[in-house]
Amino acid sequence: MESRLIYIMSEKRKPQVLWVRHTDTEWVYFGDGKEVKHHIVKEILDNHFSEKYLCVCLTRIGSFEVCKDEFFDKTAGYLGYQNFIIWNASFDLTVEFNRIGVLRVGQVNR
């Protein structure tokens, strides 16, 4: 899928997301910068997404599809450094990453 289309779909679907609450907040700390706890992110991705490919939404021209097995290789410069959101191919499951080292899991309200 083209970068522009990933970005447009993400912006369209994001307001419809219901975020999963963990205890008193929807945000989960995974570490920032060089202290990213990859095992936390991997566990969340494996539990939330069953698909092999994910859509990473950064910017209109910087978004891309990635194989889940290559997620850490392709997003190493973004995890804990930049805000971005990933989606499954049908744009109904998502994980949003914040540059301060937190993420939240959501699903589009149907």
PDB file of N, CA and C in Angstrom:
ATOM      1  N   MET A   1       0.851  -1.181   0.000  1.00  0.00           N
ATOM      2  CA  MET A   1       0.000   0.000   0.000  1.00  0.00           C
ATOM      3  C   MET A   1       0.897   1.244   0.000  1.00  0.00           C
ATOM      4  N   GLU A   2       0.498   2.229  -0.741  1.00  0.00           N
ATOM      5  CA  GLU A   2       1.241   3.486  -0.832  1.00  0.00           C
ATOM      6  C   GLU A   2       1.267   4.236   0.498  1.00  0.00           C
ATOM      7  N   SER A   3       2.334   4.962   0.714  1.00  0.00           N
ATOM      8  CA  SER A   3       2.488   5.755   1.930  1.00  0.00           C
ATOM      9  C   SER A   3       1.312   6.708   2.137  1.00  0.00           C
ATOM     10  N   ARG A   4       0.943   7.395   1.098  1.00  0.00           N
ATOM     11  CA  ARG A   4      -0.148   8.379   1.172  1.00  0.00           C
ATOM     12  C   ARG A   4      -1.467   7.719   1.594  1.00  0.00           C
ATOM     13  N   LEU A   5      -1.741   6.528   1.073  1.00  0.00           N
ATOM     14  CA  LEU A   5      -2.984   5.827   1.408  1.00  0.00           C
ATOM     15  C   LEU A   5      -2.986   5.341   2.858  1.00  0.00           C
ATOM     16  N   ILE A   6      -1.833   4.871   3.325  1.00  0.00           N
ATOM     17  CA  ILE A   6      -1.720   4.458   4.734  1.00  0.00           C
ATOM     18  C   ILE A   6      -2.017   5.654   5.632  1.00  0.00           C
ATOM     19  N   TYR A   7      -1.434   6.783   5.317  1.00  0.00           N
ATOM     20  CA  TYR A   7      -1.619   7.992   6.119  1.00  0.00           C
ATOM     21  C   TYR A   7      -3.087   8.436   6.123  1.00  0.00           C
ATOM     22  N   ILE A   8      -3.713   8.457   4.960  1.00  0.00           N
ATOM     23  CA  ILE A   8      -5.114   8.882   4.853  1.00  0.00           C
ATOM     24  C   ILE A   8      -6.025   7.941   5.639  1.00  0.00           C
ATOM     25  N   MET A   9      -5.828   6.637   5.477  1.00  0.00           N
ATOM     26  CA  MET A   9      -6.664   5.667   6.213  1.00  0.00           C
ATOM     27  C   MET A   9      -6.457   5.804   7.728  1.00  0.00           C
ATOM     28  N   SER A  10      -5.230   6.005   8.140  1.00  0.00           N
ATOM     29  CA  SER A  10      -4.933   6.154   9.559  1.00  0.00           C
ATOM     30  C   SER A  10      -5.647   7.376  10.137  1.00  0.00           C
ATOM     31  N   GLU A  11      -5.541   8.494   9.442  1.00  0.00           N
ATOM     32  CA  GLU A  11      -6.184   9.720   9.916  1.00  0.00           C
ATOM     33  C   GLU A  11      -7.711   9.583   9.949  1.00  0.00           C
ATOM     34  N   LYS A  12      -8.258   8.842   9.018  1.00  0.00           N
ATOM     35  CA  LYS A  12      -9.705   8.630   8.962  1.00  0.00           C
ATOM     36  C   LYS A  12     -10.190   7.728  10.098  1.00  0.00           C
ATOM     37  N   ARG A  13      -9.400   6.698  10.415  1.00  0.00           N
ATOM     38  CA  ARG A  13      -9.826   5.696  11.396  1.00  0.00           C
ATOM     39  C   ARG A  13      -9.482   6.062  12.842  1.00  0.00           C
ATOM     40  N   LYS A  14      -8.452   6.857  13.053  1.00  0.00           N
ATOM     41  CA  LYS A  14      -7.993   7.149  14.413  1.00  0.00           C
ATOM     42  C   LYS A  14      -9.084   7.704  15.335  1.00  0.00           C
ATOM     43  N   PRO A  15      -9.963   8.600  14.882  1.00  0.00           N
ATOM     44  CA  PRO A  15     -11.012   9.098  15.785  1.00  0.00           C
ATOM     45  C   PRO A  15     -12.045   8.031  16.197  1.00  0.00           C
ATOM     46  N   GLN A  16     -12.077   6.909  15.497  1.00  0.00           N
ATOM     47  CA  GLN A  16     -13.040   5.851  15.783  1.00  0.00           C
ATOM     48  C   GLN A  16     -12.498   4.784  16.738  1.00  0.00           C
ATOM     49  N   VAL A  17     -11.255   4.927  17.171  1.00  0.00           N
ATOM     50  CA  VAL A  17     -10.598   3.899  17.988  1.00  0.00           C
ATOM     51  C   VAL A  17     -11.082   3.946  19.437  1.00  0.00           C
ATOM     52  N   LEU A  18     -11.361   2.758  19.961  1.00  0.00           N
ATOM     53  CA  LEU A  18     -11.601   2.589  21.396  1.00  0.00           C
ATOM     54  C   LEU A  18     -10.311   2.034  21.985  1.00  0.00           C
ATOM     55  N   TRP A  19      -9.724   2.756  22.928  1.00  0.00           N
ATOM     56  CA  TRP A  19      -8.447   2.374  23.507  1.00  0.00           C
ATOM     57  C   TRP A  19      -8.671   1.466  24.700  1.00  0.00           C
ATOM     58  N   VAL A  20      -7.880   0.400  24.797  1.00  0.00           N
ATOM     59  CA  VAL A  20      -7.966  -0.566  25.895  1.00  0.00           C
ATOM     60  C   VAL A  20      -7.322   0.037  27.130  1.00  0.00           C
ATOM     61  N   ARG A  21      -8.032  -0.023  28.247  1.00  0.00           N
ATOM     62  CA  ARG A  21      -7.498   0.517  29.512  1.00  0.00           C
ATOM     63  C   ARG A  21      -6.803  -0.594  30.293  1.00  0.00           C
ATOM     64  N   HIS A  22      -5.588  -0.314  30.735  1.00  0.00           N
ATOM     65  CA  HIS A  22      -4.819  -1.216  31.603  1.00  0.00           C
ATOM     66  C   HIS A  22      -4.798  -0.559  32.979  1.00  0.00           C
ATOM     67  N   THR A  23      -5.459  -1.135  33.914  1.00  0.00           N
ATOM     68  CA  THR A  23      -5.625  -0.578  35.266  1.00  0.00           C
ATOM     69  C   THR A  23      -6.234   0.816  35.178  1.00  0.00           C
ATOM     70  N   ASP A  24      -5.490   1.855  35.528  1.00  0.00           N
ATOM     71  CA  ASP A  24      -6.068   3.200  35.563  1.00  0.00           C
ATOM     72  C   ASP A  24      -5.753   4.037  34.322  1.00  0.00           C
ATOM     73  N   THR A  25      -5.025   3.493  33.355  1.00  0.00           N
ATOM     74  CA  THR A  25      -4.666   4.240  32.158  1.00  0.00           C
ATOM     75  C   THR A  25      -4.633   3.322  30.946  1.00  0.00           C
ATOM     76  N   GLU A  26      -4.692   3.899  29.780  1.00  0.00           N
ATOM     77  CA  GLU A  26      -4.592   3.119  28.545  1.00  0.00           C
ATOM     78  C   GLU A  26      -3.153   2.995  28.060  1.00  0.00           C
ATOM     79  N   TRP A  27      -2.251   3.776  28.638  1.00  0.00           N
ATOM     80  CA  TRP A  27      -0.862   3.794  28.205  1.00  0.00           C
ATOM     81  C   TRP A  27      -0.019   2.758  28.951  1.00  0.00           C
ATOM     82  N   VAL A  28       0.894   2.106  28.220  1.00  0.00           N
ATOM     83  CA  VAL A  28       1.815   1.107  28.767  1.00  0.00           C
ATOM     84  C   VAL A  28       3.237   1.598  28.486  1.00  0.00           C
ATOM     85  N   TYR A  29       4.072   1.627  29.522  1.00  0.00           N
ATOM     86  CA  TYR A  29       5.451   2.080  29.352  1.00  0.00           C
ATOM     87  C   TYR A  29       6.300   0.946  28.767  1.00  0.00           C
ATOM     88  N   PHE A  30       7.043   1.243  27.684  1.00  0.00           N
ATOM     89  CA  PHE A  30       7.922   0.249  27.070  1.00  0.00           C
ATOM     90  C   PHE A  30       9.370   0.717  27.020  1.00  0.00           C
ATOM     91  N   GLY A  31       9.650   1.904  27.514  1.00  0.00           N
ATOM     92  CA  GLY A  31      11.014   2.430  27.528  1.00  0.00           C
ATOM     93  C   GLY A  31      11.221   3.434  26.414  1.00  0.00           C
ATOM     94  N   ASP A  32      12.162   4.331  26.613  1.00  0.00           N
ATOM     95  CA  ASP A  32      12.408   5.352  25.596  1.00  0.00           C
ATOM     96  C   ASP A  32      13.868   5.318  25.165  1.00  0.00           C
ATOM     97  N   GLY A  33      14.125   5.900  24.017  1.00  0.00           N
ATOM     98  CA  GLY A  33      15.491   5.977  23.512  1.00  0.00           C
ATOM     99  C   GLY A  33      16.150   4.621  23.394  1.00  0.00           C
ATOM    100  N   LYS A  34      17.326   4.505  23.961  1.00  0.00           N
ATOM    101  CA  LYS A  34      18.083   3.253  23.869  1.00  0.00           C
ATOM    102  C   LYS A  34      17.644   2.223  24.899  1.00  0.00           C
ATOM    103  N   GLU A  35      16.692   2.568  25.754  1.00  0.00           N
ATOM    104  CA  GLU A  35      16.232   1.658  26.795  1.00  0.00           C
ATOM    105  C   GLU A  35      14.887   1.029  26.470  1.00  0.00           C
ATOM    106  N   VAL A  36      14.588   0.841  25.180  1.00  0.00           N
ATOM    107  CA  VAL A  36      13.333   0.222  24.769  1.00  0.00           C
ATOM    108  C   VAL A  36      13.345  -1.246  25.179  1.00  0.00           C
ATOM    109  N   LYS A  37      12.273  -1.663  25.832  1.00  0.00           N
ATOM    110  CA  LYS A  37      12.109  -3.055  26.255  1.00  0.00           C
ATOM    111  C   LYS A  37      11.375  -3.794  25.138  1.00  0.00           C
ATOM    112  N   HIS A  38      12.158  -4.365  24.234  1.00  0.00           N
ATOM    113  CA  HIS A  38      11.604  -5.004  23.043  1.00  0.00           C
ATOM    114  C   HIS A  38      10.645  -6.140  23.376  1.00  0.00           C
ATOM    115  N   HIS A  39      10.896  -6.843  24.469  1.00  0.00           N
ATOM    116  CA  HIS A  39      10.025  -7.967  24.822  1.00  0.00           C
ATOM    117  C   HIS A  39       8.597  -7.507  25.141  1.00  0.00           C
ATOM    118  N   ILE A  40       8.454  -6.313  25.719  1.00  0.00           N
ATOM    119  CA  ILE A  40       7.121  -5.779  26.013  1.00  0.00           C
ATOM    120  C   ILE A  40       6.394  -5.466  24.711  1.00  0.00           C
ATOM    121  N   VAL A  41       7.081  -4.778  23.792  1.00  0.00           N
ATOM    122  CA  VAL A  41       6.477  -4.421  22.508  1.00  0.00           C
ATOM    123  C   VAL A  41       6.132  -5.681  21.722  1.00  0.00           C
ATOM    124  N   LYS A  42       7.041  -6.643  21.673  1.00  0.00           N
ATOM    125  CA  LYS A  42       6.807  -7.885  20.925  1.00  0.00           C
ATOM    126  C   LYS A  42       5.597  -8.636  21.468  1.00  0.00           C
ATOM    127  N   GLU A  43       5.492  -8.731  22.774  1.00  0.00           N
ATOM    128  CA  GLU A  43       4.355  -9.429  23.384  1.00  0.00           C
ATOM    129  C   GLU A  43       3.035  -8.748  23.020  1.00  0.00           C
ATOM    130  N   ILE A  44       3.004  -7.442  23.075  1.00  0.00           N
ATOM    131  CA  ILE A  44       1.781  -6.701  22.737  1.00  0.00           C
ATOM    132  C   ILE A  44       1.438  -6.885  21.266  1.00  0.00           C
ATOM    133  N   LEU A  45       2.425  -6.785  20.386  1.00  0.00           N
ATOM    134  CA  LEU A  45       2.162  -6.971  18.953  1.00  0.00           C
ATOM    135  C   LEU A  45       1.673  -8.383  18.656  1.00  0.00           C
ATOM    136  N   ASP A  46       2.305  -9.376  19.260  1.00  0.00           N
ATOM    137  CA  ASP A  46       1.897 -10.768  19.027  1.00  0.00           C
ATOM    138  C   ASP A  46       0.485 -11.038  19.539  1.00  0.00           C
ATOM    139  N   ASN A  47       0.129 -10.446  20.671  1.00  0.00           N
ATOM    140  CA  ASN A  47      -1.209 -10.654  21.239  1.00  0.00           C
ATOM    141  C   ASN A  47      -2.287  -9.880  20.491  1.00  0.00           C
ATOM    142  N   HIS A  48      -1.939  -8.741  19.924  1.00  0.00           N
ATOM    143  CA  HIS A  48      -2.940  -7.859  19.314  1.00  0.00           C
ATOM    144  C   HIS A  48      -3.139  -8.110  17.818  1.00  0.00           C
ATOM    145  N   PHE A  49      -2.070  -8.459  17.117  1.00  0.00           N
ATOM    146  CA  PHE A  49      -2.144  -8.639  15.665  1.00  0.00           C
ATOM    147  C   PHE A  49      -1.905 -10.094  15.286  1.00  0.00           C
ATOM    148  N   SER A  50      -2.807 -10.653  14.499  1.00  0.00           N
ATOM    149  CA  SER A  50      -2.607 -12.011  13.990  1.00  0.00           C
ATOM    150  C   SER A  50      -2.036 -11.995  12.570  1.00  0.00           C
ATOM    151  N   GLU A  51      -2.122 -10.854  11.889  1.00  0.00           N
ATOM    152  CA  GLU A  51      -1.636 -10.732  10.522  1.00  0.00           C
ATOM    153  C   GLU A  51      -0.112 -10.725  10.459  1.00  0.00           C
ATOM    154  N   LYS A  52       0.397 -11.079   9.291  1.00  0.00           N
ATOM    155  CA  LYS A  52       1.837 -11.091   9.077  1.00  0.00           C
ATOM    156  C   LYS A  52       2.373  -9.699   8.750  1.00  0.00           C
ATOM    157  N   TYR A  53       1.565  -8.866   8.075  1.00  0.00           N
ATOM    158  CA  TYR A  53       2.002  -7.539   7.665  1.00  0.00           C
ATOM    159  C   TYR A  53       1.252  -6.450   8.418  1.00  0.00           C
ATOM    160  N   LEU A  54       1.972  -5.377   8.739  1.00  0.00           N
ATOM    161  CA  LEU A  54       1.408  -4.230   9.446  1.00  0.00           C
ATOM    162  C   LEU A  54       1.696  -2.959   8.657  1.00  0.00           C
ATOM    163  N   CYS A  55       0.851  -1.959   8.850  1.00  0.00           N
ATOM    164  CA  CYS A  55       1.038  -0.651   8.225  1.00  0.00           C
ATOM    165  C   CYS A  55       1.557   0.315   9.286  1.00  0.00           C
ATOM    166  N   VAL A  56       2.705   0.898   9.042  1.00  0.00           N
ATOM    167  CA  VAL A  56       3.312   1.861   9.948  1.00  0.00           C
ATOM    168  C   VAL A  56       3.030   3.254   9.405  1.00  0.00           C
ATOM    169  N   CYS A  57       2.330   4.067  10.197  1.00  0.00           N
ATOM    170  CA  CYS A  57       1.960   5.410   9.767  1.00  0.00           C
ATOM    171  C   CYS A  57       2.815   6.441  10.501  1.00  0.00           C
ATOM    172  N   LEU A  58       3.669   7.108   9.738  1.00  0.00           N
ATOM    173  CA  LEU A  58       4.524   8.168  10.279  1.00  0.00           C
ATOM    174  C   LEU A  58       4.074   9.520   9.738  1.00  0.00           C
ATOM    175  N   THR A  59       4.230   9.695   8.431  1.00  0.00           N
ATOM    176  CA  THR A  59       3.858  10.931   7.744  1.00  0.00           C
ATOM    177  C   THR A  59       3.220  10.550   6.416  1.00  0.00           C
ATOM    178  N   ARG A  60       2.745  11.557   5.705  1.00  0.00           N
ATOM    179  CA  ARG A  60       2.115  11.309   4.405  1.00  0.00           C
ATOM    180  C   ARG A  60       3.079  10.618   3.425  1.00  0.00           C
ATOM    181  N   ILE A  61       4.356  10.969   3.484  1.00  0.00           N
ATOM    182  CA  ILE A  61       5.315  10.356   2.556  1.00  0.00           C
ATOM    183  C   ILE A  61       6.263   9.362   3.241  1.00  0.00           C
ATOM    184  N   GLY A  62       6.147   9.190   4.545  1.00  0.00           N
ATOM    185  CA  GLY A  62       7.059   8.316   5.277  1.00  0.00           C
ATOM    186  C   GLY A  62       6.417   7.074   5.859  1.00  0.00           C
ATOM    187  N   SER A  63       5.213   6.740   5.455  1.00  0.00           N
ATOM    188  CA  SER A  63       4.521   5.554   5.975  1.00  0.00           C
ATOM    189  C   SER A  63       4.837   4.350   5.093  1.00  0.00           C
ATOM    190  N   PHE A  64       4.715   3.143   5.666  1.00  0.00           N
ATOM    191  CA  PHE A  64       5.104   1.948   4.917  1.00  0.00           C
ATOM    192  C   PHE A  64       4.478   0.695   5.525  1.00  0.00           C
ATOM    193  N   GLU A  65       4.489  -0.382   4.729  1.00  0.00           N
ATOM    194  CA  GLU A  65       4.085  -1.692   5.221  1.00  0.00           C
ATOM    195  C   GLU A  65       5.326  -2.436   5.673  1.00  0.00           C
ATOM    196  N   VAL A  66       5.155  -3.282   6.692  1.00  0.00           N
ATOM    197  CA  VAL A  66       6.295  -4.039   7.210  1.00  0.00           C
ATOM    198  C   VAL A  66       5.810  -5.419   7.653  1.00  0.00           C
ATOM    199  N   CYS A  67       6.650  -6.405   7.440  1.00  0.00           N
ATOM    200  CA  CYS A  67       6.386  -7.746   7.958  1.00  0.00           C
ATOM    201  C   CYS A  67       6.577  -7.685   9.476  1.00  0.00           C
ATOM    202  N   LYS A  68       5.683  -8.321  10.215  1.00  0.00           N
ATOM    203  CA  LYS A  68       5.757  -8.257  11.680  1.00  0.00           C
ATOM    204  C   LYS A  68       7.101  -8.762  12.200  1.00  0.00           C
ATOM    205  N   ASP A  69       7.697  -9.734  11.505  1.00  0.00           N
ATOM    206  CA  ASP A  69       8.998 -10.263  11.921  1.00  0.00           C
ATOM    207  C   ASP A  69      10.124  -9.242  11.765  1.00  0.00           C
ATOM    208  N   GLU A  70       9.942  -8.254  10.890  1.00  0.00           N
ATOM    209  CA  GLU A  70      10.964  -7.239  10.637  1.00  0.00           C
ATOM    210  C   GLU A  70      10.632  -5.906  11.299  1.00  0.00           C
ATOM    211  N   PHE A  71       9.615  -5.889  12.146  1.00  0.00           N
ATOM    212  CA  PHE A  71       9.142  -4.644  12.748  1.00  0.00           C
ATOM    213  C   PHE A  71      10.259  -3.887  13.474  1.00  0.00           C
ATOM    214  N   PHE A  72      11.032  -4.573  14.302  1.00  0.00           N
ATOM    215  CA  PHE A  72      12.067  -3.899  15.092  1.00  0.00           C
ATOM    216  C   PHE A  72      13.210  -3.379  14.217  1.00  0.00           C
ATOM    217  N   ASP A  73      13.538  -4.109  13.161  1.00  0.00           N
ATOM    218  CA  ASP A  73      14.584  -3.646  12.247  1.00  0.00           C
ATOM    219  C   ASP A  73      14.158  -2.364  11.528  1.00  0.00           C
ATOM    220  N   LYS A  74      12.917  -2.319  11.088  1.00  0.00           N
ATOM    221  CA  LYS A  74      12.424  -1.189  10.284  1.00  0.00           C
ATOM    222  C   LYS A  74      12.023   0.023  11.132  1.00  0.00           C
ATOM    223  N   THR A  75      11.757  -0.171  12.421  1.00  0.00           N
ATOM    224  CA  THR A  75      11.299   0.943  13.267  1.00  0.00           C
ATOM    225  C   THR A  75      12.289   1.288  14.373  1.00  0.00           C
ATOM    226  N   ALA A  76      13.481   0.755  14.319  1.00  0.00           N
ATOM    227  CA  ALA A  76      14.468   0.980  15.381  1.00  0.00           C
ATOM    228  C   ALA A  76      14.714   2.468  15.633  1.00  0.00           C
ATOM    229  N   GLY A  77      14.730   3.273  14.607  1.00  0.00           N
ATOM    230  CA  GLY A  77      14.973   4.698  14.768  1.00  0.00           C
ATOM    231  C   GLY A  77      13.772   5.485  15.261  1.00  0.00           C
ATOM    232  N   TYR A  78      12.608   4.840  15.336  1.00  0.00           N
ATOM    233  CA  TYR A  78      11.379   5.522  15.743  1.00  0.00           C
ATOM    234  C   TYR A  78      10.932   5.167  17.159  1.00  0.00           C
ATOM    235  N   LEU A  79      11.118   3.911  17.573  1.00  0.00           N
ATOM    236  CA  LEU A  79      10.655   3.465  18.888  1.00  0.00           C
ATOM    237  C   LEU A  79      11.327   4.265  20.001  1.00  0.00           C
ATOM    238  N   GLY A  80      10.521   4.952  20.774  1.00  0.00           N
ATOM    239  CA  GLY A  80      11.041   5.750  21.874  1.00  0.00           C
ATOM    240  C   GLY A  80      11.604   7.091  21.457  1.00  0.00           C
ATOM    241  N   TYR A  81      11.505   7.421  20.167  1.00  0.00           N
ATOM    242  CA  TYR A  81      12.016   8.694  19.659  1.00  0.00           C
ATOM    243  C   TYR A  81      10.957   9.522  18.932  1.00  0.00           C
ATOM    244  N   GLN A  82       9.949   8.862  18.373  1.00  0.00           N
ATOM    245  CA  GLN A  82       8.984   9.550  17.522  1.00  0.00           C
ATOM    246  C   GLN A  82       7.580   8.997  17.744  1.00  0.00           C
ATOM    247  N   ASN A  83       6.576   9.846  17.582  1.00  0.00           N
ATOM    248  CA  ASN A  83       5.185   9.400  17.640  1.00  0.00           C
ATOM    249  C   ASN A  83       4.831   8.728  16.317  1.00  0.00           C
ATOM    250  N   PHE A  84       4.213   7.553  16.389  1.00  0.00           N
ATOM    251  CA  PHE A  84       3.700   6.899  15.200  1.00  0.00           C
ATOM    252  C   PHE A  84       2.647   5.877  15.606  1.00  0.00           C
ATOM    253  N   ILE A  85       1.939   5.367  14.607  1.00  0.00           N
ATOM    254  CA  ILE A  85       0.853   4.428  14.865  1.00  0.00           C
ATOM    255  C   ILE A  85       0.956   3.288  13.855  1.00  0.00           C
ATOM    256  N   ILE A  86       0.639   2.075  14.291  1.00  0.00           N
ATOM    257  CA  ILE A  86       0.627   0.940  13.370  1.00  0.00           C
ATOM    258  C   ILE A  86      -0.770   0.348  13.331  1.00  0.00           C
ATOM    259  N   TRP A  87      -1.105  -0.228  12.189  1.00  0.00           N
ATOM    260  CA  TRP A  87      -2.426  -0.792  11.940  1.00  0.00           C
ATOM    261  C   TRP A  87      -2.281  -2.158  11.298  1.00  0.00           C
ATOM    262  N   ASN A  88      -3.329  -2.977  11.422  1.00  0.00           N
ATOM    263  CA  ASN A  88      -3.397  -4.178  10.615  1.00  0.00           C
ATOM    264  C   ASN A  88      -3.867  -3.766   9.217  1.00  0.00           C
ATOM    265  N   ALA A  89      -3.909  -4.699   8.281  1.00  0.00           N
ATOM    266  CA  ALA A  89      -4.228  -4.378   6.884  1.00  0.00           C
ATOM    267  C   ALA A  89      -5.639  -3.841   6.696  1.00  0.00           C
ATOM    268  N   SER A  90      -6.562  -4.215   7.566  1.00  0.00           N
ATOM    269  CA  SER A  90      -7.944  -3.741   7.436  1.00  0.00           C
ATOM    270  C   SER A  90      -8.207  -2.475   8.256  1.00  0.00           C
ATOM    271  N   PHE A  91      -7.200  -1.958   8.907  1.00  0.00           N
ATOM    272  CA  PHE A  91      -7.287  -0.718   9.689  1.00  0.00           C
ATOM    273  C   PHE A  91      -8.400  -0.766  10.741  1.00  0.00           C
ATOM    274  N   ASP A  92      -8.476  -1.912  11.434  1.00  0.00           N
ATOM    275  CA  ASP A  92      -9.426  -1.980  12.541  1.00  0.00           C
ATOM    276  C   ASP A  92      -8.749  -2.312  13.872  1.00  0.00           C
ATOM    277  N   LEU A  93      -7.472  -2.683  13.848  1.00  0.00           N
ATOM    278  CA  LEU A  93      -6.679  -2.887  15.064  1.00  0.00           C
ATOM    279  C   LEU A  93      -5.456  -1.997  14.990  1.00  0.00           C
ATOM    280  N   THR A  94      -5.094  -1.398  16.114  1.00  0.00           N
ATOM    281  CA  THR A  94      -3.993  -0.439  16.094  1.00  0.00           C
ATOM    282  C   THR A  94      -3.197  -0.448  17.395  1.00  0.00           C
ATOM    283  N   VAL A  95      -1.954   0.006  17.286  1.00  0.00           N
ATOM    284  CA  VAL A  95      -1.117   0.301  18.444  1.00  0.00           C
ATOM    285  C   VAL A  95      -0.468   1.657  18.159  1.00  0.00           C
ATOM    286  N   GLU A  96      -0.628   2.576  19.106  1.00  0.00           N
ATOM    287  CA  GLU A  96      -0.052   3.910  18.959  1.00  0.00           C
ATOM    288  C   GLU A  96       1.155   4.036  19.879  1.00  0.00           C
ATOM    289  N   PHE A  97       2.273   4.501  19.317  1.00  0.00           N
ATOM    290  CA  PHE A  97       3.516   4.682  20.053  1.00  0.00           C
ATOM    291  C   PHE A  97       3.777   6.166  20.255  1.00  0.00           C
ATOM    292  N   ASN A  98       4.206   6.527  21.454  1.00  0.00           N
ATOM    293  CA  ASN A  98       4.536   7.909  21.750  1.00  0.00           C
ATOM    294  C   ASN A  98       6.040   8.010  21.966  1.00  0.00           C
ATOM    295  N   ARG A  99       6.612   9.142  21.624  1.00  0.00           N
ATOM    296  CA  ARG A  99       8.066   9.332  21.703  1.00  0.00           C
ATOM    297  C   ARG A  99       8.606   9.276  23.129  1.00  0.00           C
ATOM    298  N   ILE A 100       7.743   9.399  24.126  1.00  0.00           N
ATOM    299  CA  ILE A 100       8.222   9.351  25.513  1.00  0.00           C
ATOM    300  C   ILE A 100       8.307   7.925  26.049  1.00  0.00           C
ATOM    301  N   GLY A 101       8.048   6.930  25.174  1.00  0.00           N
ATOM    302  CA  GLY A 101       8.223   5.539  25.579  1.00  0.00           C
ATOM    303  C   GLY A 101       6.978   4.850  26.085  1.00  0.00           C
ATOM    304  N   VAL A 102       5.820   5.309  25.660  1.00  0.00           N
ATOM    305  CA  VAL A 102       4.573   4.644  26.034  1.00  0.00           C
ATOM    306  C   VAL A 102       3.817   4.264  24.763  1.00  0.00           C
ATOM    307  N   LEU A 103       2.955   3.268  24.899  1.00  0.00           N
ATOM    308  CA  LEU A 103       2.113   2.838  23.793  1.00  0.00           C
ATOM    309  C   LEU A 103       0.726   2.546  24.321  1.00  0.00           C
ATOM    310  N   ARG A 104      -0.244   2.518  23.400  1.00  0.00           N
ATOM    311  CA  ARG A 104      -1.590   2.107  23.763  1.00  0.00           C
ATOM    312  C   ARG A 104      -2.178   1.290  22.637  1.00  0.00           C
ATOM    313  N   VAL A 105      -3.052   0.369  23.022  1.00  0.00           N
ATOM    314  CA  VAL A 105      -3.639  -0.607  22.111  1.00  0.00           C
ATOM    315  C   VAL A 105      -5.110  -0.241  21.903  1.00  0.00           C
ATOM    316  N   GLY A 106      -5.567  -0.350  20.658  1.00  0.00           N
ATOM    317  CA  GLY A 106      -6.939  -0.009  20.393  1.00  0.00           C
ATOM    318  C   GLY A 106      -7.559  -0.799  19.259  1.00  0.00           C
ATOM    319  N   GLN A 107      -8.871  -0.604  19.148  1.00  0.00           N
ATOM    320  CA  GLN A 107      -9.659  -1.268  18.116  1.00  0.00           C
ATOM    321  C   GLN A 107     -10.715  -0.271  17.633  1.00  0.00           C
ATOM    322  N   VAL A 108     -10.982  -0.285  16.341  1.00  0.00           N
ATOM    323  CA  VAL A 108     -11.979   0.633  15.788  1.00  0.00           C
ATOM    324  C   VAL A 108     -13.366   0.199  16.227  1.00  0.00           C
ATOM    325  N   ASN A 109     -14.124   1.169  16.706  1.00  0.00           N
ATOM    326  CA  ASN A 109     -15.507   0.931  17.125  1.00  0.00           C
ATOM    327  C   ASN A 109     -16.354   0.726  15.882  1.00  0.00           C
ATOM    328  N   ARG A 110     -17.054  -0.377  15.840  1.00  0.00           N
ATOM    329  CA  ARG A 110     -17.903  -0.657  14.666  1.00  0.00           C
ATOM    330  C   ARG A 110     -19.327  -0.371  14.943  1.00  0.00           C
TER     331      ARG A 110
END
